[in-house]
Amino acid sequence: MPETTTRRCFLGIDCGAESGRAMLGTLEGPRLRLEEVHRFPNEPVRLHETLTWDLPRLLREVQRGIAAGAARAGGALDGIAVDSWGVDFGLLDRSGGVLQNPVHYRDGRTRGVMEEVFRSIPRERIFDETGIQFLSLNTLYQVAALRRRTPEVLEAAGKLLLMADLVAYLLCGRAAAELTLASTSQMWSPVRREWSRPIIEAIGAPRSIFPEVVGPGTALAPLRPEVAREAGLASPPPVIATAAHDTASAVAAVPASGPGAWGYLSSGTWSLLGVELPAPRIAPEVLARNFTNEGGVAGTTRFLKNLSGLWLVQECRRRWARDGEDLDYGALTVLAEQAGAARAFVLPGHPDFFAPADMPEAIRAFCRRTGQPVPAAKGEVVRCALESLALAYREAAEAAREVLGHGIDRLHLVGGGSQNRLLDQLAADALGVPVLAGPAEATALGNILVQAMAVGEIGSLEELRAVVRASVRIEEYAPRERAAWDDRYAQYRRLAGRA
């Protein structure tokens, strides 16, 4: 009798900074087939003076995605899981209802809050507790801002749930924090593997609102019966806590194999560059270079630096579209290629580029202020942004080498940014190592394959990555023009010293 191959269908829901998607993954033997069944915008909305997630719309679109996935899978799913970016959260009241629309990390409520927190608990103590990079948008400073501005809301809270955990709760009714997502909050101790009591007490937050923490690949509870019924599912599948931080899912799906020191770059609205370690690295030199230790799949640590990513290009495109020139990313990349090598650079993580009203003008103004040639045409602006990103990647990679004592011999570039062939080549050129681009759908692959681990279809992280390698095509980019890029990097470093 011939062997039969088990066919399992999982739905991965990715809540990205620009859009959300429902991806159906069909696992048959050693290969996974992905299909996008629903896509929706996930832009924040301004309520009065506050920038918030549009939670009711998000939940409605997630339910539409479940219905679309159910229809494509023949009315049966083996699991559903949600991932999102980190740091943002929603609050439940004591009866389990949502207190208010979650605030978006690009809202201005955390301005100056980090310094206030340092007066209650020193910066060094926070890092010793959490190993997390200092960013004003971290959950810690969002909670502190909430405590300062509207303490009555925090006092009314029953539970705090980061965004993917909040959506999972609304789907299945179990309020839990998934570890990879919790680890980004700067309120979690990766050494003691518990919420940090000293930090929580320092900002005056109630300890009772922080939920139980579960590892990636934990089945939470069945999908709510009414949601399953409306979606056309024959029975409620389990809602699974995947690697709920989108970068954790993406890194799980890095198709690395063999010996050597590989690094990864998860490229999207943000860029996250780092290496995978067996344990967190918490030391003064890590703090000095502002690296972070975030939880990964199978007990790994994502040692990385958060960098601004394609946000610069996304916001340029958005601005030009408002002005009546709606060019897609492919067209903008062609213009950037035609523009030739950049003559000016920006610092992608500079505060000028966090949330400007006019990104192209912000880029030009930065170049003007720092005495550089000012990019005029659209292609020049995009080329300036992309080359600046590549140089920021090199700076982060060199800082990681100094901290860890070794460099990387290849870089796996995954996520949506891997589809930008110009950026792939620029990254190889700037870092001077081969870049292996793909998969573009790393987050969806990781989300779904961690679900497969949860139900016993995949036994290890190594096996998961073998499925990725068997399922996707990887493009390799060799570095070029090393001397020219050394000169560009020297110019970038001088710019960083005076900007």
Protein backbone atom coordinates (compact mmCIF):
# COMPACT_ATOMS: atom_id res chain seq x y z
CA MET A 1 0.00 0.00 0.00
CA PRO A 2 1.39 3.48 -0.87
CA GLU A 3 2.01 5.83 2.04
CA THR A 4 -0.50 8.63 2.46
CA THR A 5 0.62 12.16 3.23
CA THR A 6 -1.25 14.01 5.94
CA ARG A 7 -2.73 17.30 4.78
CA ARG A 8 -3.09 19.93 7.48
CA CYS A 9 -4.50 23.44 7.00
CA PHE A 10 -3.62 26.37 9.25
CA LEU A 11 -4.62 30.02 9.10
CA GLY A 12 -2.06 32.67 10.00
CA ILE A 13 -3.30 36.21 10.62
CA ASP A 14 -0.63 38.90 10.39
CA CYS A 15 -1.46 42.38 11.68
CA GLY A 16 1.20 44.55 10.06
CA ALA A 17 1.86 48.25 10.41
CA GLU A 18 0.46 49.06 6.97
CA SER A 19 -1.90 46.17 6.26
CA GLY A 20 -3.14 42.89 7.64
CA ARG A 21 -3.49 39.54 5.94
CA ALA A 22 -4.98 36.13 6.45
CA MET A 23 -2.71 33.45 5.00
CA LEU A 24 -3.80 29.84 4.52
CA GLY A 25 -0.98 27.36 4.89
CA THR A 26 -1.40 23.82 3.64
CA LEU A 27 1.24 21.43 4.96
CA GLU A 28 1.69 18.22 2.99
CA GLY A 29 4.76 16.19 3.85
CA PRO A 30 7.93 18.30 3.73
CA ARG A 31 6.40 21.30 1.94
CA LEU A 32 4.10 24.14 2.87
CA ARG A 33 1.94 25.93 0.34
CA LEU A 34 0.86 29.48 1.21
CA GLU A 35 -2.14 31.32 -0.14
CA GLU A 36 -3.30 34.81 0.76
CA VAL A 37 -7.05 34.58 1.30
CA HIS A 38 -7.78 38.05 2.67
CA ARG A 39 -5.96 41.37 2.86
CA PHE A 40 -7.07 44.53 4.58
CA PRO A 41 -5.68 47.96 5.52
CA ASN A 42 -4.52 48.33 9.11
CA GLU A 43 -3.96 52.04 9.40
CA PRO A 44 -4.37 53.86 12.73
CA VAL A 45 -7.20 56.31 13.33
CA ARG A 46 -7.10 59.55 15.30
CA LEU A 47 -9.71 59.79 18.06
CA HIS A 48 -9.70 63.34 19.36
CA GLU A 49 -5.97 63.94 19.87
CA THR A 50 -4.90 60.30 20.22
CA LEU A 51 -3.65 57.97 17.47
CA THR A 52 -5.21 54.54 18.02
CA TRP A 53 -5.62 51.13 16.49
CA ASP A 54 -9.02 50.69 14.83
CA LEU A 55 -9.81 47.59 16.90
CA PRO A 56 -13.45 47.01 15.84
CA ARG A 57 -12.50 47.19 12.17
CA LEU A 58 -9.46 44.97 12.75
CA LEU A 59 -11.57 42.30 14.45
CA ARG A 60 -14.16 42.42 11.67
CA GLU A 61 -11.44 41.95 9.05
CA VAL A 62 -9.88 39.09 11.03
CA GLN A 63 -13.27 37.34 11.09
CA ARG A 64 -13.59 37.86 7.34
CA GLY A 65 -10.16 36.31 6.96
CA ILE A 66 -11.23 33.27 8.99
CA ALA A 67 -14.30 32.86 6.78
CA ALA A 68 -12.18 33.13 3.63
CA GLY A 69 -9.69 30.59 4.99
CA ALA A 70 -12.47 28.22 5.99
CA ALA A 71 -13.98 28.40 2.52
CA ARG A 72 -10.66 27.64 0.82
CA ALA A 73 -9.89 24.79 3.24
CA GLY A 74 -13.24 23.08 2.75
CA GLY A 75 -14.77 24.11 6.05
CA ALA A 76 -12.05 22.75 8.36
CA LEU A 77 -8.91 24.32 9.84
CA ASP A 78 -6.33 22.68 12.10
CA GLY A 79 -5.38 25.92 13.80
CA ILE A 80 -5.59 29.71 13.79
CA ALA A 81 -2.91 32.06 15.10
CA VAL A 82 -2.32 35.80 15.18
CA ASP A 83 0.92 37.77 15.06
CA SER A 84 1.55 41.51 15.28
CA TRP A 85 4.34 43.92 16.00
CA GLY A 86 5.26 44.35 19.64
CA VAL A 87 4.87 47.05 22.31
CA ASP A 88 1.25 48.17 21.69
CA PHE A 89 -1.44 46.81 23.99
CA GLY A 90 -5.09 46.87 24.90
CA LEU A 91 -6.71 46.76 28.32
CA LEU A 92 -9.57 44.54 29.46
CA ASP A 93 -11.87 45.57 32.26
CA ARG A 94 -12.51 43.21 35.15
CA SER A 95 -15.42 41.57 33.36
CA GLY A 96 -13.33 40.86 30.26
CA GLY A 97 -14.54 43.70 28.03
CA VAL A 98 -12.17 45.97 26.11
CA LEU A 99 -11.73 49.27 27.94
CA GLN A 100 -10.80 51.48 24.99
CA ASN A 101 -9.21 51.45 21.56
CA PRO A 102 -5.50 50.54 21.98
CA VAL A 103 -3.15 53.48 21.47
CA HIS A 104 -0.77 53.30 18.49
CA TYR A 105 2.96 53.49 19.16
CA ARG A 106 3.34 56.49 16.84
CA ASP A 107 1.10 58.55 19.11
CA GLY A 108 3.05 61.24 20.94
CA ARG A 109 2.07 60.27 24.49
CA THR A 110 5.49 58.84 25.39
CA ARG A 111 7.49 62.01 24.68
CA GLY A 112 9.71 62.65 27.70
CA VAL A 113 8.32 59.66 29.61
CA MET A 114 11.48 57.57 29.35
CA GLU A 115 13.42 60.19 31.31
CA GLU A 116 10.67 60.31 33.95
CA VAL A 117 10.86 56.53 34.37
CA PHE A 118 14.64 56.72 34.80
CA ARG A 119 14.08 58.93 37.85
CA SER A 120 12.16 56.05 39.45
CA ILE A 121 14.36 53.18 38.28
CA PRO A 122 17.81 53.66 36.69
CA ARG A 123 18.37 52.87 33.04
CA GLU A 124 21.03 50.29 33.95
CA ARG A 125 18.63 48.46 36.28
CA ILE A 126 15.96 48.30 33.57
CA PHE A 127 18.47 46.75 31.17
CA ASP A 128 19.75 44.28 33.76
CA GLU A 129 16.15 43.20 34.33
CA THR A 130 15.06 42.94 30.69
CA GLY A 131 17.99 43.06 28.26
CA ILE A 132 15.83 45.18 25.97
CA GLN A 133 16.83 48.06 23.71
CA PHE A 134 15.68 51.50 24.83
CA LEU A 135 13.00 52.92 22.58
CA SER A 136 10.52 55.56 23.71
CA LEU A 137 7.68 53.53 22.17
CA ASN A 138 8.30 50.43 24.35
CA THR A 139 5.36 49.09 26.35
CA LEU A 140 7.05 50.19 29.56
CA TYR A 141 6.88 53.86 28.60
CA GLN A 142 3.39 53.53 27.13
CA VAL A 143 2.14 52.11 30.45
CA ALA A 144 3.99 54.84 32.36
CA ALA A 145 2.39 57.47 30.11
CA LEU A 146 -1.03 55.97 30.75
CA ARG A 147 -0.36 56.00 34.50
CA ARG A 148 0.59 59.68 34.29
CA ARG A 149 -2.19 60.93 31.99
CA THR A 150 -5.21 58.75 32.76
CA PRO A 151 -4.54 56.74 35.92
CA GLU A 152 -8.23 55.94 36.27
CA VAL A 153 -8.08 53.83 33.08
CA LEU A 154 -5.19 51.77 34.42
CA GLU A 155 -6.93 51.34 37.77
CA ALA A 156 -10.05 50.04 36.01
CA ALA A 157 -8.07 47.43 34.08
CA GLY A 158 -8.31 43.73 34.72
CA LYS A 159 -5.71 42.57 32.19
CA LEU A 160 -3.14 44.08 29.81
CA LEU A 161 -2.77 42.22 26.51
CA LEU A 162 -0.32 43.01 23.73
CA MET A 163 -2.01 43.28 20.36
CA ALA A 164 -1.74 39.76 18.93
CA ASP A 165 -2.67 38.39 22.36
CA LEU A 166 -5.66 40.73 22.48
CA VAL A 167 -6.96 39.56 19.10
CA ALA A 168 -6.41 35.93 20.12
CA TYR A 169 -8.38 36.58 23.31
CA LEU A 170 -11.25 38.09 21.36
CA LEU A 171 -11.26 34.96 19.18
CA CYS A 172 -11.09 32.31 21.89
CA GLY A 173 -11.66 33.89 25.32
CA ARG A 174 -8.32 33.01 26.96
CA ALA A 175 -6.26 35.96 28.16
CA ALA A 176 -2.59 35.01 27.99
CA ALA A 177 0.68 36.66 26.99
CA GLU A 178 2.82 34.85 24.40
CA LEU A 179 6.49 34.89 25.36
CA THR A 180 8.07 36.35 22.21
CA LEU A 181 5.62 39.25 22.31
CA ALA A 182 5.93 39.79 26.08
CA SER A 183 9.71 39.88 25.74
CA THR A 184 9.53 43.07 23.64
CA SER A 185 7.70 45.02 26.34
CA GLN A 186 10.78 45.93 28.45
CA MET A 187 8.76 44.64 31.41
CA TRP A 188 9.72 40.94 31.16
CA SER A 189 12.75 39.27 32.75
CA PRO A 190 14.23 36.73 30.32
CA VAL A 191 16.51 35.34 33.04
CA ARG A 192 13.82 34.74 35.68
CA ARG A 193 11.18 34.20 32.95
CA GLU A 194 8.57 36.33 34.70
CA TRP A 195 7.17 39.85 34.60
CA SER A 196 9.66 42.19 36.27
CA ARG A 197 8.31 43.19 39.67
CA PRO A 198 10.90 46.00 40.22
CA ILE A 199 9.93 47.69 36.96
CA ILE A 200 6.19 47.28 37.46
CA GLU A 201 6.44 48.70 40.97
CA ALA A 202 8.66 51.59 39.83
CA ILE A 203 6.01 52.92 37.43
CA GLY A 204 3.10 52.27 39.79
CA ALA A 205 1.28 49.77 37.60
CA PRO A 206 -0.89 47.11 39.24
CA ARG A 207 0.83 43.71 39.04
CA SER A 208 -2.49 41.96 38.69
CA ILE A 209 -3.03 43.20 35.13
CA PHE A 210 -0.09 41.24 33.72
CA PRO A 211 -1.35 37.86 32.48
CA GLU A 212 0.14 34.39 32.47
CA VAL A 213 2.89 33.92 29.89
CA VAL A 214 2.85 30.95 27.51
CA GLY A 215 5.50 29.78 25.07
CA PRO A 216 5.22 29.87 21.27
CA GLY A 217 3.33 26.83 20.07
CA THR A 218 0.75 26.75 22.88
CA ALA A 219 -2.84 25.85 22.06
CA LEU A 220 -4.93 28.45 23.90
CA ALA A 221 -8.57 27.45 23.49
CA PRO A 222 -11.04 26.59 20.72
CA LEU A 223 -12.31 29.38 18.52
CA ARG A 224 -15.48 30.89 19.93
CA PRO A 225 -18.42 28.78 18.63
CA GLU A 226 -20.28 31.80 17.25
CA VAL A 227 -17.21 32.93 15.30
CA ALA A 228 -16.67 29.42 13.93
CA ARG A 229 -20.31 29.15 12.94
CA GLU A 230 -20.33 32.50 11.15
CA ALA A 231 -17.11 31.55 9.34
CA GLY A 232 -18.62 28.33 8.03
CA LEU A 233 -16.37 26.00 10.01
CA ALA A 234 -17.70 22.55 10.79
CA SER A 235 -16.13 22.69 14.27
CA PRO A 236 -14.07 25.27 16.19
CA PRO A 237 -10.32 24.82 15.56
CA PRO A 238 -7.79 25.66 18.28
CA VAL A 239 -6.54 29.23 18.52
CA ILE A 240 -2.80 28.80 18.95
CA ALA A 241 -0.24 31.16 20.45
CA THR A 242 2.31 31.06 17.66
CA ALA A 243 5.48 33.14 17.82
CA ALA A 244 3.13 36.09 18.19
CA HIS A 245 5.72 38.80 17.62
CA ASP A 246 5.90 39.10 13.85
CA THR A 247 9.70 39.22 13.84
CA ALA A 248 9.88 36.11 16.02
CA SER A 249 7.78 34.27 13.44
CA ALA A 250 9.95 35.67 10.64
CA VAL A 251 13.20 34.62 12.33
CA ALA A 252 11.83 31.14 12.96
CA ALA A 253 11.35 30.88 9.18
CA VAL A 254 14.90 31.99 8.29
CA PRO A 255 16.05 29.18 5.95
CA ALA A 256 19.50 28.89 7.52
CA SER A 257 21.46 25.64 7.43
CA GLY A 258 25.00 24.40 7.73
CA PRO A 259 27.99 25.77 9.64
CA GLY A 260 29.04 29.37 9.87
CA ALA A 261 27.87 32.53 11.54
CA TRP A 262 24.71 33.68 9.81
CA GLY A 263 22.73 36.79 10.61
CA TYR A 264 19.24 37.83 9.72
CA LEU A 265 17.51 41.00 8.66
CA SER A 266 13.74 41.10 8.89
CA SER A 267 12.84 43.91 6.52
CA GLY A 268 9.54 45.73 6.44
CA THR A 269 8.28 48.99 7.93
CA TRP A 270 10.99 48.35 10.52
CA SER A 271 14.31 46.61 9.98
CA LEU A 272 15.51 44.17 12.61
CA LEU A 273 19.06 42.95 12.22
CA GLY A 274 20.67 40.41 14.45
CA VAL A 275 21.77 36.87 15.21
CA GLU A 276 20.19 33.93 16.99
CA LEU A 277 21.69 33.03 20.37
CA PRO A 278 20.99 30.18 22.80
CA ALA A 279 20.58 32.62 25.72
CA PRO A 280 20.23 36.37 26.31
CA ARG A 281 23.40 38.46 26.31
CA ILE A 282 22.99 41.08 29.03
CA ALA A 283 26.17 43.07 29.61
CA PRO A 284 27.32 46.72 29.77
CA GLU A 285 28.68 46.63 26.21
CA VAL A 286 25.29 45.41 24.93
CA LEU A 287 23.58 48.28 26.73
CA ALA A 288 26.12 50.77 25.40
CA ARG A 289 25.32 49.78 21.81
CA ASN A 290 21.57 49.56 22.44
CA PHE A 291 21.03 45.95 21.35
CA THR A 292 18.06 43.96 22.51
CA ASN A 293 17.39 40.39 23.67
CA GLU A 294 13.97 39.18 22.55
CA GLY A 295 12.44 35.75 22.92
CA GLY A 296 12.51 33.30 20.04
CA VAL A 297 11.14 29.87 19.18
CA ALA A 298 12.47 26.76 20.96
CA GLY A 299 14.14 28.73 23.74
CA THR A 300 16.33 30.84 21.46
CA THR A 301 17.11 34.52 21.90
CA ARG A 302 16.81 37.06 19.10
CA PHE A 303 19.82 39.29 19.71
CA LEU A 304 19.14 42.25 17.46
CA LYS A 305 18.87 45.95 16.89
CA ASN A 306 15.64 47.65 15.88
CA LEU A 307 16.25 50.01 12.99
CA SER A 308 13.98 52.17 10.94
CA GLY A 309 13.10 50.33 7.75
CA LEU A 310 11.07 50.89 4.61
CA TRP A 311 8.95 53.34 6.59
CA LEU A 312 10.89 56.11 4.86
CA VAL A 313 9.93 54.87 1.39
CA GLN A 314 6.37 54.02 2.47
CA GLU A 315 5.83 57.54 3.74
CA CYS A 316 7.36 59.07 0.60
CA ARG A 317 4.96 57.02 -1.50
CA ARG A 318 2.03 58.04 0.71
CA ARG A 319 2.93 61.71 0.37
CA TRP A 320 3.29 61.54 -3.40
CA ALA A 321 -0.02 59.68 -3.65
CA ARG A 322 -1.71 62.51 -1.72
CA ASP A 323 -0.22 64.88 -4.29
CA GLY A 324 -1.83 62.88 -7.11
CA GLU A 325 1.13 60.66 -8.14
CA ASP A 326 0.31 57.16 -6.90
CA LEU A 327 3.41 55.15 -7.85
CA ASP A 328 3.74 51.56 -6.64
CA TYR A 329 6.91 50.33 -4.93
CA GLY A 330 8.15 48.64 -8.09
CA ALA A 331 7.98 51.90 -10.01
CA LEU A 332 9.75 53.79 -7.22
CA THR A 333 12.52 51.18 -7.16
CA VAL A 334 13.04 51.54 -10.92
CA LEU A 335 13.36 55.32 -10.47
CA ALA A 336 15.88 54.74 -7.67
CA GLU A 337 17.93 52.41 -9.88
CA GLN A 338 17.93 54.96 -12.68
CA ALA A 339 19.04 57.71 -10.28
CA GLY A 340 22.43 56.05 -9.77
CA ALA A 341 24.51 56.06 -6.60
CA ALA A 342 23.34 58.38 -3.85
CA ARG A 343 25.37 61.50 -3.15
CA ALA A 344 23.72 62.21 0.20
CA PHE A 345 22.60 60.08 3.11
CA VAL A 346 20.24 60.35 6.08
CA LEU A 347 20.15 58.63 9.45
CA PRO A 348 16.99 56.49 9.17
CA GLY A 349 16.45 56.40 12.93
CA HIS A 350 16.75 60.16 13.42
CA PRO A 351 13.74 61.77 15.18
CA ASP A 352 13.10 63.87 12.05
CA PHE A 353 11.83 60.72 10.32
CA PHE A 354 9.65 59.22 13.06
CA ALA A 355 6.34 60.73 11.93
CA PRO A 356 6.83 63.74 9.64
CA ALA A 357 3.92 65.24 7.74
CA ASP A 358 5.99 65.25 4.55
CA MET A 359 8.69 62.55 4.39
CA PRO A 360 10.29 63.63 1.06
CA GLU A 361 10.71 67.15 2.41
CA ALA A 362 12.03 65.79 5.73
CA ILE A 363 14.73 63.89 3.81
CA ARG A 364 15.62 66.94 1.74
CA ALA A 365 15.68 69.20 4.80
CA PHE A 366 18.01 66.82 6.63
CA CYS A 367 20.42 66.76 3.68
CA ARG A 368 20.27 70.55 3.40
CA ARG A 369 20.90 71.04 7.14
CA THR A 370 23.89 68.68 7.13
CA GLY A 371 25.55 70.34 4.13
CA GLN A 372 24.97 67.54 1.63
CA PRO A 373 23.67 67.64 -1.95
CA VAL A 374 19.86 67.76 -1.76
CA PRO A 375 18.06 64.98 -3.67
CA ALA A 376 15.48 66.53 -5.98
CA ALA A 377 13.76 63.90 -8.14
CA LYS A 378 11.69 61.09 -6.64
CA GLY A 379 14.24 58.47 -7.69
CA GLU A 380 17.03 60.40 -5.94
CA VAL A 381 15.00 60.65 -2.73
CA VAL A 382 14.24 56.90 -2.73
CA ARG A 383 17.85 56.02 -3.59
CA CYS A 384 19.04 58.21 -0.71
CA ALA A 385 16.66 56.39 1.64
CA LEU A 386 17.63 52.88 0.46
CA GLU A 387 21.40 53.45 0.54
CA SER A 388 21.05 55.03 3.98
CA LEU A 389 19.22 51.92 5.18
CA ALA A 390 21.98 49.69 3.82
CA LEU A 391 24.61 51.76 5.65
CA ALA A 392 22.57 51.60 8.86
CA TYR A 393 22.56 47.79 8.47
CA ARG A 394 26.36 47.79 8.21
CA GLU A 395 26.67 49.96 11.30
CA ALA A 396 24.47 47.57 13.28
CA ALA A 397 26.32 44.50 11.99
CA GLU A 398 29.69 45.97 12.95
CA ALA A 399 28.41 46.88 16.40
CA ALA A 400 27.15 43.29 16.85
CA ARG A 401 30.59 41.97 15.85
CA GLU A 402 32.24 44.16 18.47
CA VAL A 403 29.87 42.91 21.18
CA LEU A 404 29.84 39.21 20.26
CA GLY A 405 33.46 38.88 19.18
CA HIS A 406 32.61 37.55 15.74
CA GLY A 407 30.98 38.82 12.58
CA ILE A 408 28.54 37.19 10.20
CA ASP A 409 29.52 35.40 7.00
CA ARG A 410 26.10 35.67 5.33
CA LEU A 411 22.91 37.62 5.87
CA HIS A 412 19.44 36.14 5.45
CA LEU A 413 17.17 39.01 4.39
CA VAL A 414 13.54 38.02 4.91
CA GLY A 415 10.18 39.77 4.88
CA GLY A 416 8.58 42.13 2.43
CA GLY A 417 11.79 44.08 1.92
CA SER A 418 13.44 41.01 0.36
CA GLN A 419 11.31 41.64 -2.74
CA ASN A 420 13.16 44.92 -3.30
CA ARG A 421 16.05 43.63 -5.42
CA LEU A 422 17.83 46.97 -5.24
CA LEU A 423 17.79 46.94 -1.43
CA ASP A 424 19.00 43.32 -1.42
CA GLN A 425 22.00 44.23 -3.56
CA LEU A 426 22.72 47.43 -1.62
CA ALA A 427 22.72 45.45 1.64
CA ALA A 428 25.22 42.94 0.20
CA ASP A 429 27.40 45.79 -1.05
CA ALA A 430 27.32 47.74 2.21
CA LEU A 431 27.98 44.76 4.51
CA GLY A 432 30.44 43.03 2.20
CA VAL A 433 28.85 39.59 2.68
CA PRO A 434 26.45 37.52 0.56
CA VAL A 435 22.78 38.32 1.07
CA LEU A 436 20.30 35.47 0.78
CA ALA A 437 16.95 37.10 0.02
CA GLY A 438 13.72 35.40 0.93
CA PRO A 439 11.27 34.26 1.90
CA ALA A 440 9.19 37.41 1.54
CA GLU A 441 6.43 35.69 3.50
CA ALA A 442 8.69 34.73 6.40
CA THR A 443 6.27 35.93 9.06
CA ALA A 444 3.38 33.92 7.61
CA LEU A 445 5.57 30.84 7.20
CA GLY A 446 6.81 31.07 10.77
CA ASN A 447 3.33 31.74 12.14
CA ILE A 448 1.89 28.68 10.40
CA LEU A 449 4.78 26.30 10.96
CA VAL A 450 4.87 27.07 14.71
CA GLN A 451 1.20 26.10 14.67
CA ALA A 452 2.27 22.84 13.04
CA MET A 453 4.74 22.36 15.90
CA ALA A 454 1.90 22.91 18.37
CA VAL A 455 -0.14 20.03 16.91
CA GLY A 456 2.84 17.68 16.55
CA GLU A 457 3.37 17.85 12.79
CA ILE A 458 6.86 19.38 13.17
CA GLY A 459 9.23 18.32 15.90
CA SER A 460 11.92 21.01 16.08
CA LEU A 461 13.08 24.41 14.89
CA GLU A 462 15.59 22.70 12.58
CA GLU A 463 12.78 20.66 11.00
CA LEU A 464 10.71 23.82 10.63
CA ARG A 465 13.53 25.51 8.70
CA ALA A 466 13.96 22.45 6.50
CA VAL A 467 10.30 22.81 5.48
CA VAL A 468 10.95 26.47 4.62
CA ARG A 469 13.95 25.56 2.46
CA ALA A 470 11.90 22.95 0.64
CA SER A 471 9.02 25.37 0.08
CA VAL A 472 10.54 28.66 -1.14
CA ARG A 473 13.13 29.99 -3.58
CA ILE A 474 16.08 31.97 -2.20
CA GLU A 475 18.00 34.55 -4.27
CA GLU A 476 21.67 35.19 -3.54
CA TYR A 477 23.35 38.59 -3.99
CA ALA A 478 27.15 38.83 -3.95
CA PRO A 479 28.84 41.98 -2.60
CA ARG A 480 30.38 44.44 -5.07
CA GLU A 481 32.54 47.60 -5.02
CA ARG A 482 33.96 47.11 -1.52
CA ALA A 483 36.27 50.15 -1.63
CA ALA A 484 33.49 52.49 -2.80
CA TRP A 485 31.21 51.26 -0.03
CA ASP A 486 33.95 51.70 2.55
CA ASP A 487 34.09 55.35 1.46
CA ARG A 488 30.29 55.68 1.67
CA TYR A 489 30.32 54.15 5.14
CA ALA A 490 33.00 56.58 6.31
CA GLN A 491 30.83 59.44 5.03
CA TYR A 492 27.81 57.98 6.85
CA ARG A 493 29.74 57.68 10.10
CA ARG A 494 30.92 61.28 9.86
CA LEU A 495 27.33 62.31 9.27
CA ALA A 496 26.22 60.38 12.36
CA GLY A 497 28.77 62.28 14.42
CA ARG A 498 27.45 65.72 13.49
CA ALA A 499 23.71 65.27 12.88
